[in-house]
Amino acid sequence: MSKLKSILKSRKMTQKQLFNQIQEVCNTPVPLYQISRITSGKTKNFTIVTMMKICRALEITPNELLTKADYSDLFKQVG
């Protein structure tokens, strides 16, 4: 289970509610299909902008959203 899915579940929040919250807080949305793919774990490589929008909408830090393995995957792509 992705950390985002766990966070949404613990808050009893749907992906659509997260989409609406991002749009309200950030003025520019993250597409609902992308939220779905991140939540399901199908997409692990997403932009920092997307990550920050999710974090801002949920009032969490990136550390609360990403696992150590996620960071490793990101660094492999950079180096």
PDB file of N, CA and C in Angstrom:
ATOM      1  N   MET A   1       0.853  -1.179   0.000  1.00  0.00           N
ATOM      2  CA  MET A   1       0.000   0.000   0.000  1.00  0.00           C
ATOM      3  C   MET A   1       0.896   1.239   0.000  1.00  0.00           C
ATOM      4  N   SER A   2       0.604   2.192  -0.868  1.00  0.00           N
ATOM      5  CA  SER A   2       1.389   3.418  -0.926  1.00  0.00           C
ATOM      6  C   SER A   2       1.122   4.266   0.316  1.00  0.00           C
ATOM      7  N   LYS A   3       2.075   5.116   0.634  1.00  0.00           N
ATOM      8  CA  LYS A   3       1.893   5.993   1.789  1.00  0.00           C
ATOM      9  C   LYS A   3       0.722   6.944   1.550  1.00  0.00           C
ATOM     10  N   LEU A   4       0.549   7.393   0.303  1.00  0.00           N
ATOM     11  CA  LEU A   4      -0.566   8.288   0.008  1.00  0.00           C
ATOM     12  C   LEU A   4      -1.890   7.578   0.259  1.00  0.00           C
ATOM     13  N   LYS A   5      -1.981   6.327  -0.157  1.00  0.00           N
ATOM     14  CA  LYS A   5      -3.209   5.567   0.064  1.00  0.00           C
ATOM     15  C   LYS A   5      -3.483   5.428   1.565  1.00  0.00           C
ATOM     16  N   SER A   6      -2.446   5.176   2.336  1.00  0.00           N
ATOM     17  CA  SER A   6      -2.593   5.053   3.791  1.00  0.00           C
ATOM     18  C   SER A   6      -3.062   6.362   4.416  1.00  0.00           C
ATOM     19  N   ILE A   7      -2.487   7.465   3.944  1.00  0.00           N
ATOM     20  CA  ILE A   7      -2.869   8.780   4.473  1.00  0.00           C
ATOM     21  C   ILE A   7      -4.334   9.070   4.160  1.00  0.00           C
ATOM     22  N   LEU A   8      -4.725   8.842   2.906  1.00  0.00           N
ATOM     23  CA  LEU A   8      -6.117   9.093   2.517  1.00  0.00           C
ATOM     24  C   LEU A   8      -7.062   8.205   3.314  1.00  0.00           C
ATOM     25  N   LYS A   9      -6.694   6.942   3.483  1.00  0.00           N
ATOM     26  CA  LYS A   9      -7.542   6.012   4.224  1.00  0.00           C
ATOM     27  C   LYS A   9      -7.700   6.447   5.680  1.00  0.00           C
ATOM     28  N   SER A  10      -6.603   6.844   6.305  1.00  0.00           N
ATOM     29  CA  SER A  10      -6.671   7.255   7.711  1.00  0.00           C
ATOM     30  C   SER A  10      -7.495   8.526   7.894  1.00  0.00           C
ATOM     31  N   ARG A  11      -7.544   9.350   6.868  1.00  0.00           N
ATOM     32  CA  ARG A  11      -8.325  10.595   6.934  1.00  0.00           C
ATOM     33  C   ARG A  11      -9.737  10.424   6.385  1.00  0.00           C
ATOM     34  N   LYS A  12     -10.041   9.211   5.941  1.00  0.00           N
ATOM     35  CA  LYS A  12     -11.349   8.931   5.319  1.00  0.00           C
ATOM     36  C   LYS A  12     -11.610   9.931   4.186  1.00  0.00           C
ATOM     37  N   MET A  13     -10.598  10.067   3.342  1.00  0.00           N
ATOM     38  CA  MET A  13     -10.626  11.027   2.242  1.00  0.00           C
ATOM     39  C   MET A  13     -10.518  10.276   0.923  1.00  0.00           C
ATOM     40  N   THR A  14     -11.287  10.703  -0.063  1.00  0.00           N
ATOM     41  CA  THR A  14     -11.237  10.073  -1.379  1.00  0.00           C
ATOM     42  C   THR A  14     -10.210  10.788  -2.255  1.00  0.00           C
ATOM     43  N   GLN A  15      -9.861  10.134  -3.349  1.00  0.00           N
ATOM     44  CA  GLN A  15      -8.954  10.747  -4.316  1.00  0.00           C
ATOM     45  C   GLN A  15      -9.585  12.008  -4.900  1.00  0.00           C
ATOM     46  N   LYS A  16     -10.872  11.977  -5.121  1.00  0.00           N
ATOM     47  CA  LYS A  16     -11.581  13.142  -5.664  1.00  0.00           C
ATOM     48  C   LYS A  16     -11.521  14.311  -4.673  1.00  0.00           C
ATOM     49  N   GLN A  17     -11.652  14.018  -3.384  1.00  0.00           N
ATOM     50  CA  GLN A  17     -11.539  15.068  -2.377  1.00  0.00           C
ATOM     51  C   GLN A  17     -10.131  15.658  -2.352  1.00  0.00           C
ATOM     52  N   LEU A  18      -9.115  14.797  -2.511  1.00  0.00           N
ATOM     53  CA  LEU A  18      -7.743  15.290  -2.590  1.00  0.00           C
ATOM     54  C   LEU A  18      -7.577  16.175  -3.822  1.00  0.00           C
ATOM     55  N   PHE A  19      -8.096  15.740  -4.962  1.00  0.00           N
ATOM     56  CA  PHE A  19      -8.055  16.536  -6.185  1.00  0.00           C
ATOM     57  C   PHE A  19      -8.664  17.923  -5.941  1.00  0.00           C
ATOM     58  N   ASN A  20      -9.824  17.963  -5.328  1.00  0.00           N
ATOM     59  CA  ASN A  20     -10.495  19.241  -5.056  1.00  0.00           C
ATOM     60  C   ASN A  20      -9.684  20.103  -4.091  1.00  0.00           C
ATOM     61  N   GLN A  21      -9.092  19.475  -3.080  1.00  0.00           N
ATOM     62  CA  GLN A  21      -8.280  20.203  -2.105  1.00  0.00           C
ATOM     63  C   GLN A  21      -7.040  20.806  -2.772  1.00  0.00           C
ATOM     64  N   ILE A  22      -6.392  20.042  -3.645  1.00  0.00           N
ATOM     65  CA  ILE A  22      -5.227  20.554  -4.373  1.00  0.00           C
ATOM     66  C   ILE A  22      -5.633  21.742  -5.233  1.00  0.00           C
ATOM     67  N   GLN A  23      -6.745  21.612  -5.928  1.00  0.00           N
ATOM     68  CA  GLN A  23      -7.208  22.691  -6.800  1.00  0.00           C
ATOM     69  C   GLN A  23      -7.523  23.947  -5.982  1.00  0.00           C
ATOM     70  N   GLU A  24      -8.108  23.774  -4.822  1.00  0.00           N
ATOM     71  CA  GLU A  24      -8.473  24.902  -3.969  1.00  0.00           C
ATOM     72  C   GLU A  24      -7.229  25.584  -3.382  1.00  0.00           C
ATOM     73  N   VAL A  25      -6.290  24.802  -2.908  1.00  0.00           N
ATOM     74  CA  VAL A  25      -5.112  25.337  -2.232  1.00  0.00           C
ATOM     75  C   VAL A  25      -4.058  25.836  -3.218  1.00  0.00           C
ATOM     76  N   CYS A  26      -3.895  25.146  -4.326  1.00  0.00           N
ATOM     77  CA  CYS A  26      -2.797  25.447  -5.256  1.00  0.00           C
ATOM     78  C   CYS A  26      -3.238  26.158  -6.533  1.00  0.00           C
ATOM     79  N   ASN A  27      -4.504  26.269  -6.752  1.00  0.00           N
ATOM     80  CA  ASN A  27      -5.071  26.924  -7.943  1.00  0.00           C
ATOM     81  C   ASN A  27      -4.862  26.159  -9.236  1.00  0.00           C
ATOM     82  N   THR A  28      -3.920  25.243  -9.288  1.00  0.00           N
ATOM     83  CA  THR A  28      -3.730  24.413 -10.467  1.00  0.00           C
ATOM     84  C   THR A  28      -3.793  22.957 -10.026  1.00  0.00           C
ATOM     85  N   PRO A  29      -4.614  22.172 -10.673  1.00  0.00           N
ATOM     86  CA  PRO A  29      -4.830  20.800 -10.203  1.00  0.00           C
ATOM     87  C   PRO A  29      -3.731  19.828 -10.612  1.00  0.00           C
ATOM     88  N   VAL A  30      -3.706  18.731  -9.916  1.00  0.00           N
ATOM     89  CA  VAL A  30      -2.979  17.544 -10.342  1.00  0.00           C
ATOM     90  C   VAL A  30      -4.066  16.674 -10.956  1.00  0.00           C
ATOM     91  N   PRO A  31      -3.905  16.209 -12.187  1.00  0.00           N
ATOM     92  CA  PRO A  31      -4.969  15.424 -12.814  1.00  0.00           C
ATOM     93  C   PRO A  31      -5.398  14.241 -11.936  1.00  0.00           C
ATOM     94  N   LEU A  32      -6.680  13.985 -11.911  1.00  0.00           N
ATOM     95  CA  LEU A  32      -7.233  12.914 -11.084  1.00  0.00           C
ATOM     96  C   LEU A  32      -6.629  11.564 -11.442  1.00  0.00           C
ATOM     97  N   TYR A  33      -6.365  11.326 -12.740  1.00  0.00           N
ATOM     98  CA  TYR A  33      -5.757  10.051 -13.133  1.00  0.00           C
ATOM     99  C   TYR A  33      -4.368   9.909 -12.525  1.00  0.00           C
ATOM    100  N   GLN A  34      -3.643  11.026 -12.394  1.00  0.00           N
ATOM    101  CA  GLN A  34      -2.297  10.972 -11.813  1.00  0.00           C
ATOM    102  C   GLN A  34      -2.378  10.693 -10.308  1.00  0.00           C
ATOM    103  N   ILE A  35      -3.320  11.305  -9.629  1.00  0.00           N
ATOM    104  CA  ILE A  35      -3.532  11.022  -8.206  1.00  0.00           C
ATOM    105  C   ILE A  35      -3.846   9.546  -8.028  1.00  0.00           C
ATOM    106  N   SER A  36      -4.682   9.001  -8.900  1.00  0.00           N
ATOM    107  CA  SER A  36      -5.046   7.582  -8.837  1.00  0.00           C
ATOM    108  C   SER A  36      -3.825   6.693  -9.020  1.00  0.00           C
ATOM    109  N   ARG A  37      -2.975   7.014  -9.978  1.00  0.00           N
ATOM    110  CA  ARG A  37      -1.777   6.200 -10.242  1.00  0.00           C
ATOM    111  C   ARG A  37      -0.772   6.292  -9.095  1.00  0.00           C
ATOM    112  N   ILE A  38      -0.628   7.462  -8.496  1.00  0.00           N
ATOM    113  CA  ILE A  38       0.274   7.614  -7.353  1.00  0.00           C
ATOM    114  C   ILE A  38      -0.282   6.854  -6.148  1.00  0.00           C
ATOM    115  N   THR A  39      -1.582   6.973  -5.928  1.00  0.00           N
ATOM    116  CA  THR A  39      -2.231   6.296  -4.801  1.00  0.00           C
ATOM    117  C   THR A  39      -2.111   4.781  -4.919  1.00  0.00           C
ATOM    118  N   SER A  40      -2.275   4.266  -6.132  1.00  0.00           N
ATOM    119  CA  SER A  40      -2.222   2.815  -6.337  1.00  0.00           C
ATOM    120  C   SER A  40      -0.790   2.283  -6.357  1.00  0.00           C
ATOM    121  N   GLY A  41       0.183   3.173  -6.485  1.00  0.00           N
ATOM    122  CA  GLY A  41       1.573   2.747  -6.540  1.00  0.00           C
ATOM    123  C   GLY A  41       2.066   2.476  -7.949  1.00  0.00           C
ATOM    124  N   LYS A  42       1.211   2.669  -8.948  1.00  0.00           N
ATOM    125  CA  LYS A  42       1.614   2.449 -10.341  1.00  0.00           C
ATOM    126  C   LYS A  42       2.617   3.501 -10.808  1.00  0.00           C
ATOM    127  N   THR A  43       2.484   4.723 -10.277  1.00  0.00           N
ATOM    128  CA  THR A  43       3.425   5.791 -10.595  1.00  0.00           C
ATOM    129  C   THR A  43       4.219   6.101  -9.344  1.00  0.00           C
ATOM    130  N   LYS A  44       5.531   5.903  -9.439  1.00  0.00           N
ATOM    131  CA  LYS A  44       6.412   6.220  -8.319  1.00  0.00           C
ATOM    132  C   LYS A  44       7.316   7.391  -8.661  1.00  0.00           C
ATOM    133  N   ASN A  45       7.409   7.699  -9.940  1.00  0.00           N
ATOM    134  CA  ASN A  45       8.257   8.780 -10.406  1.00  0.00           C
ATOM    135  C   ASN A  45       7.363   9.947 -10.826  1.00  0.00           C
ATOM    136  N   PHE A  46       7.171  10.878  -9.894  1.00  0.00           N
ATOM    137  CA  PHE A  46       6.373  12.054 -10.228  1.00  0.00           C
ATOM    138  C   PHE A  46       7.173  13.294  -9.854  1.00  0.00           C
ATOM    139  N   THR A  47       6.786  14.421 -10.393  1.00  0.00           N
ATOM    140  CA  THR A  47       7.581  15.633 -10.237  1.00  0.00           C
ATOM    141  C   THR A  47       7.524  16.167  -8.810  1.00  0.00           C
ATOM    142  N   ILE A  48       8.529  16.966  -8.502  1.00  0.00           N
ATOM    143  CA  ILE A  48       8.560  17.622  -7.192  1.00  0.00           C
ATOM    144  C   ILE A  48       7.373  18.565  -7.060  1.00  0.00           C
ATOM    145  N   VAL A  49       6.988  19.198  -8.143  1.00  0.00           N
ATOM    146  CA  VAL A  49       5.835  20.106  -8.119  1.00  0.00           C
ATOM    147  C   VAL A  49       4.573  19.344  -7.711  1.00  0.00           C
ATOM    148  N   THR A  50       4.371  18.180  -8.307  1.00  0.00           N
ATOM    149  CA  THR A  50       3.214  17.346  -7.953  1.00  0.00           C
ATOM    150  C   THR A  50       3.285  16.935  -6.495  1.00  0.00           C
ATOM    151  N   MET A  51       4.461  16.499  -6.051  1.00  0.00           N
ATOM    152  CA  MET A  51       4.631  16.087  -4.666  1.00  0.00           C
ATOM    153  C   MET A  51       4.311  17.238  -3.713  1.00  0.00           C
ATOM    154  N   MET A  52       4.801  18.425  -4.030  1.00  0.00           N
ATOM    155  CA  MET A  52       4.574  19.569  -3.150  1.00  0.00           C
ATOM    156  C   MET A  52       3.106  19.990  -3.129  1.00  0.00           C
ATOM    157  N   LYS A  53       2.422  19.855  -4.251  1.00  0.00           N
ATOM    158  CA  LYS A  53       0.985  20.164  -4.270  1.00  0.00           C
ATOM    159  C   LYS A  53       0.221  19.204  -3.369  1.00  0.00           C
ATOM    160  N   ILE A  54       0.561  17.915  -3.451  1.00  0.00           N
ATOM    161  CA  ILE A  54      -0.093  16.915  -2.598  1.00  0.00           C
ATOM    162  C   ILE A  54       0.205  17.217  -1.133  1.00  0.00           C
ATOM    163  N   CYS A  55       1.469  17.486  -0.844  1.00  0.00           N
ATOM    164  CA  CYS A  55       1.866  17.780   0.541  1.00  0.00           C
ATOM    165  C   CYS A  55       1.171  19.027   1.070  1.00  0.00           C
ATOM    166  N   ARG A  56       1.115  20.038   0.254  1.00  0.00           N
ATOM    167  CA  ARG A  56       0.466  21.289   0.686  1.00  0.00           C
ATOM    168  C   ARG A  56      -1.019  21.071   0.954  1.00  0.00           C
ATOM    169  N   ALA A  57      -1.676  20.342   0.067  1.00  0.00           N
ATOM    170  CA  ALA A  57      -3.106  20.093   0.229  1.00  0.00           C
ATOM    171  C   ALA A  57      -3.407  19.249   1.475  1.00  0.00           C
ATOM    172  N   LEU A  58      -2.509  18.312   1.781  1.00  0.00           N
ATOM    173  CA  LEU A  58      -2.711  17.431   2.937  1.00  0.00           C
ATOM    174  C   LEU A  58      -2.044  17.960   4.207  1.00  0.00           C
ATOM    175  N   GLU A  59      -1.298  19.064   4.068  1.00  0.00           N
ATOM    176  CA  GLU A  59      -0.560  19.654   5.184  1.00  0.00           C
ATOM    177  C   GLU A  59       0.383  18.632   5.820  1.00  0.00           C
ATOM    178  N   ILE A  60       1.202  18.016   4.949  1.00  0.00           N
ATOM    179  CA  ILE A  60       2.203  17.045   5.384  1.00  0.00           C
ATOM    180  C   ILE A  60       3.540  17.406   4.761  1.00  0.00           C
ATOM    181  N   THR A  61       4.592  16.745   5.206  1.00  0.00           N
ATOM    182  CA  THR A  61       5.916  16.957   4.627  1.00  0.00           C
ATOM    183  C   THR A  61       6.193  15.869   3.588  1.00  0.00           C
ATOM    184  N   PRO A  62       7.161  16.089   2.695  1.00  0.00           N
ATOM    185  CA  PRO A  62       7.525  15.039   1.739  1.00  0.00           C
ATOM    186  C   PRO A  62       7.943  13.738   2.429  1.00  0.00           C
ATOM    187  N   ASN A  63       8.578  13.837   3.596  1.00  0.00           N
ATOM    188  CA  ASN A  63       8.979  12.628   4.322  1.00  0.00           C
ATOM    189  C   ASN A  63       7.782  11.783   4.734  1.00  0.00           C
ATOM    190  N   GLU A  64       6.661  12.423   4.951  1.00  0.00           N
ATOM    191  CA  GLU A  64       5.449  11.686   5.309  1.00  0.00           C
ATOM    192  C   GLU A  64       4.822  11.019   4.087  1.00  0.00           C
ATOM    193  N   LEU A  65       5.165  11.495   2.909  1.00  0.00           N
ATOM    194  CA  LEU A  65       4.579  10.986   1.667  1.00  0.00           C
ATOM    195  C   LEU A  65       5.433   9.920   1.000  1.00  0.00           C
ATOM    196  N   LEU A  66       6.762  10.040   1.095  1.00  0.00           N
ATOM    197  CA  LEU A  66       7.662   9.138   0.394  1.00  0.00           C
ATOM    198  C   LEU A  66       8.311   8.133   1.340  1.00  0.00           C
ATOM    199  N   THR A  67       8.608   6.968   0.814  1.00  0.00           N
ATOM    200  CA  THR A  67       9.353   5.959   1.559  1.00  0.00           C
ATOM    201  C   THR A  67      10.833   6.073   1.213  1.00  0.00           C
ATOM    202  N   LYS A  68      11.667   5.391   1.956  1.00  0.00           N
ATOM    203  CA  LYS A  68      13.103   5.385   1.662  1.00  0.00           C
ATOM    204  C   LYS A  68      13.361   4.819   0.267  1.00  0.00           C
ATOM    205  N   ALA A  69      12.609   3.819  -0.131  1.00  0.00           N
ATOM    206  CA  ALA A  69      12.748   3.224  -1.466  1.00  0.00           C
ATOM    207  C   ALA A  69      12.397   4.241  -2.554  1.00  0.00           C
ATOM    208  N   ASP A  70      11.398   5.093  -2.301  1.00  0.00           N
ATOM    209  CA  ASP A  70      11.035   6.133  -3.268  1.00  0.00           C
ATOM    210  C   ASP A  70      12.203   7.085  -3.493  1.00  0.00           C
ATOM    211  N   TYR A  71      12.880   7.469  -2.407  1.00  0.00           N
ATOM    212  CA  TYR A  71      14.037   8.352  -2.527  1.00  0.00           C
ATOM    213  C   TYR A  71      15.140   7.675  -3.329  1.00  0.00           C
ATOM    214  N   SER A  72      15.378   6.400  -3.073  1.00  0.00           N
ATOM    215  CA  SER A  72      16.407   5.659  -3.810  1.00  0.00           C
ATOM    216  C   SER A  72      16.105   5.644  -5.300  1.00  0.00           C
ATOM    217  N   ASP A  73      14.842   5.405  -5.656  1.00  0.00           N
ATOM    218  CA  ASP A  73      14.435   5.407  -7.065  1.00  0.00           C
ATOM    219  C   ASP A  73      14.665   6.781  -7.706  1.00  0.00           C
ATOM    220  N   LEU A  74      14.360   7.836  -6.974  1.00  0.00           N
ATOM    221  CA  LEU A  74      14.554   9.185  -7.509  1.00  0.00           C
ATOM    222  C   LEU A  74      16.035   9.478  -7.746  1.00  0.00           C
ATOM    223  N   PHE A  75      16.890   9.074  -6.820  1.00  0.00           N
ATOM    224  CA  PHE A  75      18.323   9.338  -6.953  1.00  0.00           C
ATOM    225  C   PHE A  75      18.939   8.528  -8.094  1.00  0.00           C
ATOM    226  N   LYS A  76      18.432   7.341  -8.363  1.00  0.00           N
ATOM    227  CA  LYS A  76      18.932   6.540  -9.489  1.00  0.00           C
ATOM    228  C   LYS A  76      18.714   7.269 -10.801  1.00  0.00           C
ATOM    229  N   GLN A  77      17.593   7.966 -10.923  1.00  0.00           N
ATOM    230  CA  GLN A  77      17.258   8.655 -12.156  1.00  0.00           C
ATOM    231  C   GLN A  77      18.088   9.915 -12.339  1.00  0.00           C
ATOM    232  N   VAL A  78      18.499  10.541 -11.228  1.00  0.00           N
ATOM    233  CA  VAL A  78      19.272  11.772 -11.289  1.00  0.00           C
ATOM    234  C   VAL A  78      20.730  11.476 -11.612  1.00  0.00           C
ATOM    235  N   GLY A  79      21.305  10.461 -10.963  1.00  0.00           N
ATOM    236  CA  GLY A  79      22.729  10.170 -11.091  1.00  0.00           C
ATOM    237  C   GLY A  79      22.983   9.232 -12.178  1.00  0.00           C
TER     238      GLY A  79
END
